[in-house]
Amino acid sequence: MGNVAQVQSSPSEQRAQYEAARAKSIIELQPFRSEQSASLPGSDATVRLISLNPAVNSWFLLQIGKAGAGQQKYYHLENPNPGGQKISLSSGPALKLTGSGGTMTCAPWQDPSALAEAAASRRPFAPICGGRLYLRNRAGGSTLSMARGAPSGGGGQSGGGPAPAALASPGSPQVIAARMGLGLSGTNPGQMTMGAWHPVAGLAGVFASALQPKAISKAVLQGPGSVNALDGVELGSTVYLVAFDLSRYDLGYAVGTQEPGLTWSSRPPASVRARGLPGPDGVGSPAPLVPLGMVSPSLAGRTVATFAGGFKRHHGAFKSGPLAAVNGGSHYGFVEQGAILSKLQPGLSTLFVQNNGQIEMKTWTSSDDKLLPKIRFARQNGVPLIEGGVPGRYVTQWGAGNWSGSAEAKLRTLRAGACMLGKGRQRYLAYAYFPAATPSAMARTFQAYGCQYAMLLDMNAPELTYLALYVNSGGKTYIEHLVPEMAASDRSGGAGVVPKFLGTPDPRDMFYIMRKGR
């Protein structure tokens, strides 16, 4: 019977590995990991269980094989119940699962078919140990199909929501034609009241709004903070927003199968790129971790929305300006399920979720690194559009802000962004879709809605600015897209539409909104 040994390095050793400017594995990039190992009876092979972040208790690596022989195999495991199930290595050896479902032991490496069949299934999340764990597989073929579209209007909550936008003529509500693909309550199909928040039918605590920047109050358009002048196109372009009541909803994040990536961006000057490193953190690949760009099936039933993440790695670093000269060009960082895949860099806009569920958006600082052990999800994307309720310092600077542009190098283009609204328990996470906007137009729009902080997401195509809601009606779940063009990103399945991010793995990273509770 194999005896279990704790093989964890000291916290200072692991921190030194994390900070070292040298080539390293993704495992060495995890400063909070814990490890156990045991010998397999009648063999010189060992089983090694690595918890990548015990405080988060979600991702694990299982290593099986002979040490130093190049024969080890890694399996990326996910705990679908991190708040209610503990995983450890027990004598035998075996995996010991302890939680609300009772205690059980599981040794999938003993059954010749268990791990092999799970890996061969090509399912992105293959159940093992009686379904109490998932094996994450690279780009599998399992899909979730739904009906497209939803009944217009219909039942749902009325009233509530964030405060309306500050308009030039607040006493004269203007009804405008809207190309939003969401079913709304309290308004006629295809119509919305400028700057107001309309309840989304069938989803309590979700609201939608539309605004043309030309209608914004002069006190905001000419108000606190500096922006560049807005042209006639962006002033007349209709912006669409969706807000989620954070007293009702949680936020998750998943890295795509290909993007953002961990290698160097070509944008930073050669003088700040350390030679001999495959990437700015010393890591060139997430392997043996398996990014999927997809919601776990354990969360699919709670998920009410998904939306696209930020820039891919190539564009996710600075070519010029102050942030290009520090921290290897300030590559945008990201964390999934407590695993640090790319370090969070100071000076960058960061949307993150702590292990207690608290959702925050802020400019990361070096002192914020003390939060890292408790960070479940995080994504950085450039510099703030709004900070402290006013436009960020780099909104007017194309290079220093790394705002990028269209294929024709024009600053005004299709863009998406996110902002935090409200205070205390009345807090909302808002997503906004700008068909034609510069960072200045985005900043003034977010400012009009009273956003305390706002950041850029992705840009240039409906596929890269995708947002979909999942609404249950009559026992069926319908996909509703923020604008009709986004529907082209989904694909057809045997039983209906396969939704991007929810139904199949995706190359790009994404966020998902879930109802609170397990």
Protein backbone atom coordinates (compact mmCIF):
# COMPACT_ATOMS: atom_id res chain seq x y z
CA MET A 1 0.00 0.00 0.00
CA GLY A 2 1.48 3.35 -1.05
CA ASN A 3 2.09 5.83 1.74
CA VAL A 4 1.22 9.44 1.01
CA ALA A 5 3.89 12.10 1.38
CA GLN A 6 3.47 15.86 1.43
CA VAL A 7 5.98 17.18 -1.10
CA GLN A 8 5.15 20.86 -1.04
CA SER A 9 8.05 23.25 -1.35
CA SER A 10 8.23 26.03 1.21
CA PRO A 11 6.16 29.16 0.44
CA SER A 12 9.38 31.12 -0.02
CA GLU A 13 10.74 28.56 -2.52
CA GLN A 14 7.53 28.59 -4.50
CA ARG A 15 7.44 32.38 -4.47
CA ALA A 16 11.02 32.44 -5.72
CA GLN A 17 10.07 30.12 -8.59
CA TYR A 18 7.12 32.37 -9.44
CA GLU A 19 9.25 35.51 -9.50
CA ALA A 20 12.37 34.08 -11.18
CA ALA A 21 13.19 35.55 -14.60
CA ARG A 22 13.86 32.21 -16.27
CA ALA A 23 12.07 29.64 -18.38
CA LYS A 24 9.69 27.62 -16.21
CA SER A 25 6.65 25.38 -16.28
CA ILE A 26 3.09 26.51 -15.66
CA ILE A 27 3.29 24.57 -12.38
CA GLU A 28 6.22 26.70 -11.18
CA LEU A 29 4.11 29.79 -11.94
CA GLN A 30 1.70 28.75 -9.15
CA PRO A 31 3.10 30.19 -5.88
CA PHE A 32 0.30 28.82 -3.67
CA ARG A 33 0.20 25.21 -4.87
CA SER A 34 0.27 22.16 -2.62
CA GLU A 35 1.38 18.66 -3.58
CA GLN A 36 1.03 15.08 -2.38
CA SER A 37 2.63 11.94 -3.80
CA ALA A 38 2.52 8.19 -3.26
CA SER A 39 4.20 5.14 -4.78
CA LEU A 40 2.14 2.70 -6.79
CA PRO A 41 2.36 -0.80 -5.23
CA GLY A 42 4.64 -3.20 -7.07
CA SER A 43 6.05 -0.41 -9.22
CA ASP A 44 8.62 2.34 -9.14
CA ALA A 45 6.02 4.72 -10.56
CA THR A 46 4.35 7.37 -8.43
CA VAL A 47 1.09 9.26 -8.28
CA ARG A 48 1.36 12.99 -7.66
CA LEU A 49 -1.63 15.24 -6.91
CA ILE A 50 -1.08 18.99 -7.29
CA SER A 51 -3.67 21.47 -6.10
CA LEU A 52 -2.87 24.64 -8.05
CA ASN A 53 -4.52 26.90 -5.47
CA PRO A 54 -5.88 25.17 -2.34
CA ALA A 55 -7.82 28.26 -1.26
CA VAL A 56 -9.80 28.13 -4.51
CA ASN A 57 -9.90 24.29 -4.55
CA SER A 58 -10.92 23.96 -8.19
CA TRP A 59 -8.05 22.89 -10.47
CA PHE A 60 -5.75 19.90 -9.89
CA LEU A 61 -3.06 18.11 -11.86
CA LEU A 62 -2.67 14.37 -11.55
CA GLN A 63 0.77 13.09 -12.57
CA ILE A 64 1.36 9.36 -13.02
CA GLY A 65 4.59 7.64 -14.02
CA LYS A 66 8.24 7.08 -13.26
CA ALA A 67 10.10 10.12 -12.04
CA GLY A 68 12.80 11.37 -14.39
CA ALA A 69 12.03 8.81 -17.05
CA GLY A 70 10.02 11.07 -19.32
CA GLN A 71 7.10 8.67 -18.95
CA GLN A 72 4.89 10.76 -16.69
CA LYS A 73 1.42 11.56 -17.89
CA TYR A 74 -0.53 14.55 -16.67
CA TYR A 75 -4.28 14.80 -16.29
CA HIS A 76 -6.00 18.12 -15.65
CA LEU A 77 -8.83 17.59 -13.15
CA GLU A 78 -11.58 20.02 -12.18
CA ASN A 79 -13.55 19.94 -8.95
CA PRO A 80 -17.14 20.88 -9.91
CA ASN A 81 -18.00 21.62 -6.26
CA PRO A 82 -15.04 23.59 -4.88
CA GLY A 83 -17.09 25.05 -2.04
CA GLY A 84 -18.39 21.69 -0.85
CA GLN A 85 -15.89 18.99 -1.81
CA LYS A 86 -12.28 18.47 -0.76
CA ILE A 87 -9.84 16.35 -2.77
CA SER A 88 -6.74 14.69 -1.40
CA LEU A 89 -4.49 11.71 -1.96
CA SER A 90 -5.01 8.88 0.52
CA SER A 91 -3.12 5.66 1.17
CA GLY A 92 -3.62 2.95 -1.36
CA PRO A 93 -3.01 5.27 -3.12
CA ALA A 94 -6.37 6.73 -4.13
CA LEU A 95 -8.10 10.04 -4.55
CA LYS A 96 -10.22 10.84 -1.50
CA LEU A 97 -13.29 12.98 -2.14
CA THR A 98 -14.93 14.42 0.95
CA GLY A 99 -17.99 16.63 0.92
CA SER A 100 -21.73 16.97 0.95
CA GLY A 101 -22.04 13.86 -1.20
CA GLY A 102 -20.23 11.81 1.45
CA THR A 103 -16.71 10.41 1.38
CA MET A 104 -15.47 8.14 -1.37
CA THR A 105 -12.15 6.94 -2.72
CA CYS A 106 -11.36 6.64 -6.39
CA ALA A 107 -8.28 5.29 -8.15
CA PRO A 108 -8.97 5.79 -11.87
CA TRP A 109 -5.40 4.79 -12.78
CA GLN A 110 -6.08 1.26 -11.43
CA ASP A 111 -8.97 0.66 -13.79
CA PRO A 112 -7.36 0.31 -17.21
CA SER A 113 -10.33 1.98 -18.82
CA ALA A 114 -11.22 4.86 -16.48
CA LEU A 115 -8.70 7.59 -17.31
CA ALA A 116 -8.04 6.21 -20.78
CA GLU A 117 -11.72 6.17 -21.67
CA ALA A 118 -12.27 9.63 -20.23
CA ALA A 119 -9.33 10.98 -22.26
CA ALA A 120 -10.40 9.11 -25.42
CA SER A 121 -13.97 10.40 -25.15
CA ARG A 122 -12.80 13.83 -26.36
CA ARG A 123 -15.50 15.35 -24.22
CA PRO A 124 -14.25 18.74 -22.94
CA PHE A 125 -15.37 17.80 -19.44
CA ALA A 126 -15.30 14.01 -19.05
CA PRO A 127 -16.75 12.76 -15.72
CA ILE A 128 -14.67 10.42 -13.56
CA CYS A 129 -15.00 9.14 -10.00
CA GLY A 130 -18.75 8.74 -10.27
CA GLY A 131 -19.16 12.18 -11.78
CA ARG A 132 -17.65 13.96 -8.79
CA LEU A 133 -14.63 15.08 -10.82
CA TYR A 134 -14.08 16.17 -14.42
CA LEU A 135 -11.13 15.37 -16.63
CA ARG A 136 -10.55 18.36 -18.92
CA ASN A 137 -9.74 17.27 -22.49
CA ARG A 138 -8.41 19.36 -25.33
CA ALA A 139 -11.04 20.56 -27.82
CA GLY A 140 -13.55 17.76 -27.59
CA GLY A 141 -16.78 17.24 -29.49
CA SER A 142 -19.45 17.39 -26.79
CA THR A 143 -22.07 20.05 -27.51
CA LEU A 144 -25.09 21.65 -25.89
CA SER A 145 -27.90 22.65 -28.25
CA MET A 146 -30.65 25.20 -27.69
CA ALA A 147 -33.43 26.95 -29.56
CA ARG A 148 -32.55 30.27 -31.21
CA GLY A 149 -34.55 33.38 -30.50
CA ALA A 150 -37.09 34.00 -27.81
CA PRO A 151 -40.64 35.24 -27.53
CA SER A 152 -40.82 39.04 -27.85
CA GLY A 153 -41.80 40.90 -24.70
CA GLY A 154 -43.74 38.58 -22.44
CA GLY A 155 -43.61 38.19 -18.71
CA GLY A 156 -40.83 39.31 -16.44
CA GLN A 157 -40.08 41.76 -13.71
CA SER A 158 -40.80 45.43 -14.18
CA GLY A 159 -39.05 48.48 -12.79
CA GLY A 160 -35.79 48.54 -10.88
CA GLY A 161 -32.40 48.54 -12.50
CA PRO A 162 -29.59 51.10 -12.48
CA ALA A 163 -30.23 54.83 -12.64
CA PRO A 164 -30.94 56.16 -16.16
CA ALA A 165 -28.28 57.94 -18.18
CA ALA A 166 -27.79 61.68 -17.79
CA LEU A 167 -29.48 63.16 -20.88
CA ALA A 168 -29.63 66.64 -22.35
CA SER A 169 -33.47 66.57 -22.16
CA PRO A 170 -34.32 64.31 -19.22
CA GLY A 171 -37.93 65.50 -19.03
CA SER A 172 -38.72 64.49 -22.62
CA PRO A 173 -38.14 60.73 -23.00
CA GLN A 174 -37.20 59.84 -26.56
CA VAL A 175 -38.26 56.50 -27.99
CA ILE A 176 -35.84 55.20 -30.59
CA ALA A 177 -35.74 52.24 -32.96
CA ALA A 178 -33.51 49.52 -31.56
CA ARG A 179 -31.89 46.52 -33.27
CA MET A 180 -31.40 44.71 -29.99
CA GLY A 181 -32.08 40.98 -30.07
CA LEU A 182 -33.25 40.69 -26.46
CA GLY A 183 -36.85 40.24 -25.33
CA LEU A 184 -37.75 43.26 -23.18
CA SER A 185 -40.64 44.00 -20.84
CA GLY A 186 -42.59 47.23 -20.78
CA THR A 187 -41.84 48.40 -24.32
CA ASN A 188 -42.92 47.58 -27.85
CA PRO A 189 -40.71 45.23 -29.89
CA GLY A 190 -37.97 47.14 -31.68
CA GLN A 191 -38.36 50.23 -29.51
CA MET A 192 -36.46 51.49 -26.48
CA THR A 193 -36.50 54.68 -24.44
CA MET A 194 -33.20 56.53 -24.74
CA GLY A 195 -31.02 56.11 -21.66
CA ALA A 196 -33.62 54.12 -19.67
CA TRP A 197 -33.12 50.58 -18.37
CA HIS A 198 -35.68 48.05 -19.62
CA PRO A 199 -36.14 44.74 -17.77
CA VAL A 200 -35.16 41.69 -19.84
CA ALA A 201 -38.14 39.35 -20.02
CA GLY A 202 -37.62 36.10 -18.15
CA LEU A 203 -34.39 37.10 -16.37
CA ALA A 204 -34.91 38.85 -13.04
CA GLY A 205 -32.20 41.39 -12.29
CA VAL A 206 -31.08 41.80 -15.92
CA PHE A 207 -31.71 45.10 -17.70
CA ALA A 208 -30.98 46.55 -21.13
CA SER A 209 -30.51 50.11 -22.36
CA ALA A 210 -29.79 52.04 -25.56
CA LEU A 211 -28.23 55.45 -26.02
CA GLN A 212 -26.92 57.71 -28.76
CA PRO A 213 -24.06 59.83 -27.36
CA LYS A 214 -25.52 62.99 -28.94
CA ALA A 215 -28.32 62.78 -26.36
CA ILE A 216 -25.95 62.89 -23.38
CA SER A 217 -26.16 65.88 -21.06
CA LYS A 218 -23.78 68.72 -21.93
CA ALA A 219 -22.61 68.62 -18.32
CA VAL A 220 -21.19 65.16 -19.13
CA LEU A 221 -20.11 65.71 -22.75
CA GLN A 222 -18.20 68.80 -21.68
CA GLY A 223 -17.77 67.67 -18.11
CA PRO A 224 -15.13 66.38 -15.74
CA GLY A 225 -12.13 64.71 -17.29
CA SER A 226 -10.60 65.09 -20.74
CA VAL A 227 -11.61 63.33 -23.95
CA ASN A 228 -11.03 63.95 -27.64
CA ALA A 229 -13.79 65.58 -29.67
CA LEU A 230 -16.49 63.12 -30.80
CA ASP A 231 -17.34 63.06 -34.50
CA GLY A 232 -20.84 62.94 -35.98
CA VAL A 233 -20.74 59.18 -36.65
CA GLU A 234 -20.07 58.15 -33.07
CA LEU A 235 -22.42 60.81 -31.70
CA GLY A 236 -25.28 59.30 -33.71
CA SER A 237 -24.38 55.62 -33.30
CA THR A 238 -26.69 53.64 -31.00
CA VAL A 239 -24.89 51.99 -28.09
CA TYR A 240 -26.50 48.92 -26.47
CA LEU A 241 -25.93 47.92 -22.84
CA VAL A 242 -26.90 45.02 -20.58
CA ALA A 243 -26.61 45.27 -16.78
CA PHE A 244 -26.58 42.39 -14.27
CA ASP A 245 -27.65 42.84 -10.64
CA LEU A 246 -24.67 41.54 -8.63
CA SER A 247 -26.87 40.70 -5.66
CA ARG A 248 -28.36 37.97 -7.89
CA TYR A 249 -25.48 36.93 -10.12
CA ASP A 250 -21.91 35.61 -9.99
CA LEU A 251 -19.18 36.06 -12.61
CA GLY A 252 -16.80 33.49 -14.08
CA TYR A 253 -14.01 33.60 -16.67
CA ALA A 254 -12.43 31.01 -18.96
CA VAL A 255 -9.32 31.19 -21.14
CA GLY A 256 -9.80 30.08 -24.75
CA THR A 257 -8.19 27.05 -26.35
CA GLN A 258 -5.78 29.38 -28.20
CA GLU A 259 -6.10 32.90 -26.83
CA PRO A 260 -4.94 35.01 -25.06
CA GLY A 261 -1.78 32.86 -25.19
CA LEU A 262 1.30 33.04 -22.96
CA THR A 263 4.16 33.88 -25.34
CA TRP A 264 5.59 37.32 -26.03
CA SER A 265 3.61 39.91 -27.91
CA SER A 266 5.64 41.46 -30.71
CA ARG A 267 4.52 44.94 -29.65
CA PRO A 268 6.89 45.80 -26.75
CA PRO A 269 10.36 47.09 -27.70
CA ALA A 270 13.12 44.49 -27.77
CA SER A 271 14.90 46.31 -24.96
CA VAL A 272 12.28 45.20 -22.40
CA ARG A 273 11.91 41.60 -23.59
CA ALA A 274 14.18 39.27 -21.63
CA ARG A 275 16.21 36.99 -23.87
CA GLY A 276 15.81 33.26 -23.57
CA LEU A 277 12.31 33.37 -22.12
CA PRO A 278 9.41 31.89 -24.12
CA GLY A 279 7.08 34.50 -22.65
CA PRO A 280 7.12 37.45 -20.24
CA ASP A 281 6.52 35.15 -17.25
CA GLY A 282 8.96 32.47 -18.43
CA VAL A 283 6.12 30.23 -19.63
CA GLY A 284 5.32 29.55 -23.27
CA SER A 285 2.39 27.17 -22.95
CA PRO A 286 -0.34 26.35 -20.41
CA ALA A 287 0.29 22.59 -20.86
CA PRO A 288 -0.40 20.33 -19.09
CA LEU A 289 -3.35 22.56 -18.14
CA VAL A 290 -6.19 22.43 -20.67
CA PRO A 291 -7.88 25.77 -21.47
CA LEU A 292 -11.31 25.29 -23.04
CA GLY A 293 -13.01 28.66 -23.53
CA MET A 294 -16.25 27.11 -22.33
CA VAL A 295 -18.59 26.99 -19.34
CA SER A 296 -18.31 23.83 -17.25
CA PRO A 297 -21.38 21.54 -17.53
CA SER A 298 -21.72 21.77 -13.74
CA LEU A 299 -22.51 25.49 -14.22
CA ALA A 300 -24.46 25.41 -17.50
CA GLY A 301 -27.82 25.23 -15.74
CA ARG A 302 -27.04 28.38 -13.73
CA THR A 303 -25.53 30.36 -16.62
CA VAL A 304 -27.70 33.20 -17.94
CA ALA A 305 -25.16 34.99 -20.15
CA THR A 306 -21.77 34.74 -21.82
CA PHE A 307 -19.70 37.47 -23.42
CA ALA A 308 -16.34 37.73 -25.16
CA GLY A 309 -13.20 38.58 -23.21
CA GLY A 310 -10.29 40.85 -24.12
CA PHE A 311 -7.47 41.22 -26.62
CA LYS A 312 -5.53 38.21 -27.83
CA ARG A 313 -1.88 38.09 -26.76
CA HIS A 314 -0.50 39.66 -29.91
CA HIS A 315 -2.33 42.92 -29.16
CA GLY A 316 -2.32 42.54 -25.37
CA ALA A 317 0.84 44.50 -24.55
CA PHE A 318 2.13 48.03 -25.10
CA LYS A 319 4.19 49.25 -28.04
CA SER A 320 4.71 52.77 -26.72
CA GLY A 321 4.02 54.95 -23.71
CA PRO A 322 4.98 54.50 -20.05
CA LEU A 323 3.60 50.97 -19.73
CA ALA A 324 5.67 49.74 -22.69
CA ALA A 325 8.85 50.48 -20.77
CA VAL A 326 8.09 48.43 -17.64
CA ASN A 327 7.32 44.82 -16.74
CA GLY A 328 8.31 43.44 -20.12
CA GLY A 329 5.84 45.68 -21.93
CA SER A 330 2.99 45.12 -19.44
CA HIS A 331 1.34 42.08 -21.02
CA TYR A 332 -2.28 41.71 -19.95
CA GLY A 333 -2.65 39.08 -17.21
CA PHE A 334 -5.35 36.52 -16.48
CA VAL A 335 -6.29 33.97 -13.83
CA GLU A 336 -8.73 31.06 -14.15
CA GLN A 337 -10.01 29.03 -11.20
CA GLY A 338 -7.19 30.35 -9.02
CA ALA A 339 -4.46 29.30 -11.47
CA ILE A 340 -2.20 32.17 -12.55
CA LEU A 341 -1.80 31.77 -16.30
CA SER A 342 -0.29 35.21 -16.87
CA LYS A 343 0.81 37.54 -14.07
CA LEU A 344 -1.41 40.49 -13.23
CA GLN A 345 0.53 43.64 -14.04
CA PRO A 346 0.31 47.00 -12.23
CA GLY A 347 -1.26 49.88 -14.11
CA LEU A 348 -3.75 47.72 -16.03
CA SER A 349 -7.55 47.63 -15.86
CA THR A 350 -8.57 44.42 -14.13
CA LEU A 351 -11.94 42.70 -13.76
CA PHE A 352 -11.61 40.07 -11.05
CA VAL A 353 -13.56 37.79 -8.72
CA GLN A 354 -12.36 36.87 -5.25
CA ASN A 355 -12.92 33.46 -3.72
CA ASN A 356 -15.80 34.83 -1.63
CA GLY A 357 -17.62 35.84 -4.82
CA GLN A 358 -16.84 39.57 -4.57
CA ILE A 359 -16.62 41.11 -8.06
CA GLU A 360 -14.35 44.12 -8.56
CA MET A 361 -13.00 46.26 -11.37
CA LYS A 362 -9.96 48.46 -10.75
CA THR A 363 -6.51 49.46 -11.90
CA TRP A 364 -4.18 46.81 -10.50
CA THR A 365 -1.30 47.90 -8.26
CA SER A 366 1.70 46.04 -6.88
CA SER A 367 0.11 46.11 -3.43
CA ASP A 368 -2.91 44.27 -4.85
CA ASP A 369 -0.72 41.19 -5.24
CA LYS A 370 -1.62 40.38 -1.65
CA LEU A 371 -5.06 39.41 -3.03
CA LEU A 372 -3.62 36.76 -5.37
CA PRO A 373 -4.15 33.74 -3.08
CA LYS A 374 -7.88 34.54 -3.04
CA ILE A 375 -8.37 35.47 -6.70
CA ARG A 376 -10.58 32.93 -8.49
CA PHE A 377 -10.87 34.76 -11.83
CA ALA A 378 -9.15 37.81 -13.31
CA ARG A 379 -8.73 39.41 -16.72
CA GLN A 380 -6.74 42.53 -17.59
CA ASN A 381 -7.30 44.53 -20.76
CA GLY A 382 -5.48 47.82 -21.19
CA VAL A 383 -6.01 50.96 -19.15
CA PRO A 384 -9.20 52.47 -17.72
CA LEU A 385 -11.85 54.21 -19.79
CA ILE A 386 -13.38 55.49 -16.55
CA GLU A 387 -11.64 55.68 -13.17
CA GLY A 388 -13.24 57.33 -10.17
CA GLY A 389 -16.20 58.36 -12.31
CA VAL A 390 -14.16 60.36 -14.87
CA PRO A 391 -12.30 59.45 -18.10
CA GLY A 392 -8.96 57.73 -17.55
CA ARG A 393 -5.68 59.56 -18.09
CA TYR A 394 -4.85 57.71 -21.33
CA VAL A 395 -8.27 57.95 -23.03
CA THR A 396 -6.95 60.69 -25.33
CA GLN A 397 -3.66 58.90 -26.12
CA TRP A 398 -3.79 56.17 -28.77
CA GLY A 399 -0.32 54.69 -28.21
CA ALA A 400 -0.04 55.08 -24.44
CA GLY A 401 -3.56 53.65 -24.06
CA ASN A 402 -2.92 50.77 -26.50
CA TRP A 403 -6.46 51.28 -27.81
CA SER A 404 -5.75 49.66 -31.19
CA GLY A 405 -8.07 50.35 -34.10
CA SER A 406 -9.81 48.94 -37.14
CA ALA A 407 -8.14 47.03 -39.95
CA GLU A 408 -7.71 50.42 -41.61
CA ALA A 409 -5.94 51.73 -38.47
CA LYS A 410 -8.87 53.99 -37.61
CA LEU A 411 -9.48 54.68 -33.94
CA ARG A 412 -13.26 54.79 -34.39
CA THR A 413 -14.47 51.21 -34.79
CA LEU A 414 -16.77 48.58 -33.28
CA ARG A 415 -15.85 48.15 -29.62
CA ALA A 416 -17.13 46.50 -26.44
CA GLY A 417 -16.54 47.47 -22.84
CA ALA A 418 -17.61 46.75 -19.27
CA CYS A 419 -18.32 48.98 -16.29
CA MET A 420 -19.28 48.88 -12.63
CA LEU A 421 -22.42 50.75 -11.59
CA GLY A 422 -23.95 51.58 -8.22
CA LYS A 423 -22.78 51.22 -4.65
CA GLY A 424 -23.24 48.87 -1.71
CA ARG A 425 -25.75 46.11 -2.40
CA GLN A 426 -27.10 47.92 -5.48
CA ARG A 427 -24.17 47.10 -7.72
CA TYR A 428 -24.37 46.16 -11.38
CA LEU A 429 -21.89 44.83 -13.91
CA ALA A 430 -22.72 46.38 -17.27
CA TYR A 431 -21.60 45.26 -20.72
CA ALA A 432 -21.75 47.75 -23.60
CA TYR A 433 -21.61 47.30 -27.38
CA PHE A 434 -20.47 50.31 -29.42
CA PRO A 435 -21.00 49.88 -33.21
CA ALA A 436 -18.72 52.83 -34.02
CA ALA A 437 -16.78 54.54 -31.24
CA THR A 438 -13.43 55.89 -30.12
CA PRO A 439 -12.29 55.45 -26.51
CA SER A 440 -13.49 59.02 -25.93
CA ALA A 441 -17.06 58.18 -26.98
CA MET A 442 -16.98 55.07 -24.80
CA ALA A 443 -15.78 57.09 -21.81
CA ARG A 444 -18.47 59.77 -22.12
CA THR A 445 -21.19 57.13 -22.57
CA PHE A 446 -20.09 55.20 -19.50
CA GLN A 447 -19.80 58.48 -17.62
CA ALA A 448 -23.38 59.38 -18.57
CA TYR A 449 -24.60 56.15 -16.99
CA GLY A 450 -22.74 56.91 -13.77
CA CYS A 451 -20.06 54.21 -14.11
CA GLN A 452 -17.41 54.46 -11.42
CA TYR A 453 -14.96 52.33 -13.41
CA ALA A 454 -14.98 51.10 -17.01
CA MET A 455 -12.61 49.16 -19.23
CA LEU A 456 -12.27 48.04 -22.83
CA LEU A 457 -12.97 44.43 -23.82
CA ASP A 458 -12.50 43.29 -27.44
CA MET A 459 -13.32 44.99 -30.73
CA ASN A 460 -13.69 45.08 -34.53
CA ALA A 461 -16.25 42.29 -35.16
CA PRO A 462 -19.55 40.97 -33.71
CA GLU A 463 -17.83 37.63 -33.11
CA LEU A 464 -15.20 39.34 -30.93
CA THR A 465 -17.77 41.40 -29.02
CA TYR A 466 -20.30 38.58 -28.63
CA LEU A 467 -22.91 38.59 -25.88
CA ALA A 468 -25.78 36.10 -25.53
CA LEU A 469 -28.45 35.57 -22.89
CA TYR A 470 -30.04 32.20 -22.11
CA VAL A 471 -33.72 32.57 -21.23
CA ASN A 472 -35.97 29.74 -20.09
CA SER A 473 -39.53 29.86 -21.37
CA GLY A 474 -42.06 27.04 -21.43
CA GLY A 475 -39.46 24.48 -20.43
CA LYS A 476 -37.09 25.41 -23.26
CA THR A 477 -33.95 27.53 -23.12
CA TYR A 478 -33.66 30.16 -25.83
CA ILE A 479 -30.56 32.03 -27.00
CA GLU A 480 -30.97 35.79 -27.30
CA HIS A 481 -28.15 37.82 -28.88
CA LEU A 482 -27.46 41.42 -28.02
CA VAL A 483 -27.54 42.33 -31.73
CA PRO A 484 -28.63 40.01 -34.57
CA GLU A 485 -25.17 39.83 -36.18
CA MET A 486 -23.84 37.92 -33.17
CA ALA A 487 -26.00 34.90 -34.02
CA ALA A 488 -23.58 34.02 -36.84
CA SER A 489 -21.01 33.00 -34.20
CA ASP A 490 -23.17 30.08 -33.07
CA ARG A 491 -23.37 26.93 -35.13
CA SER A 492 -26.12 24.42 -35.82
CA GLY A 493 -26.35 21.12 -33.98
CA GLY A 494 -28.56 18.09 -34.35
CA ALA A 495 -31.05 19.37 -31.77
CA GLY A 496 -30.84 23.07 -32.53
CA VAL A 497 -28.25 25.82 -32.18
CA VAL A 498 -24.90 25.21 -30.46
CA PRO A 499 -24.19 28.43 -28.53
CA LYS A 500 -20.72 29.91 -28.58
CA PHE A 501 -18.94 29.52 -25.21
CA LEU A 502 -21.77 27.53 -23.60
CA GLY A 503 -22.14 24.63 -26.00
CA THR A 504 -18.64 23.94 -27.28
CA PRO A 505 -14.97 24.90 -26.66
CA ASP A 506 -13.88 28.19 -28.20
CA PRO A 507 -10.47 29.56 -29.26
CA ARG A 508 -11.12 32.90 -27.50
CA ASP A 509 -11.51 33.73 -23.82
CA MET A 510 -14.87 34.63 -22.31
CA PHE A 511 -16.85 35.65 -19.24
CA TYR A 512 -20.04 34.02 -17.99
CA ILE A 513 -22.80 35.22 -15.68
CA MET A 514 -24.40 32.71 -13.30
CA ARG A 515 -27.29 32.75 -10.87
CA LYS A 516 -26.00 32.69 -7.31
CA GLY A 517 -26.02 29.37 -5.49
CA ARG A 518 -24.69 25.96 -6.43
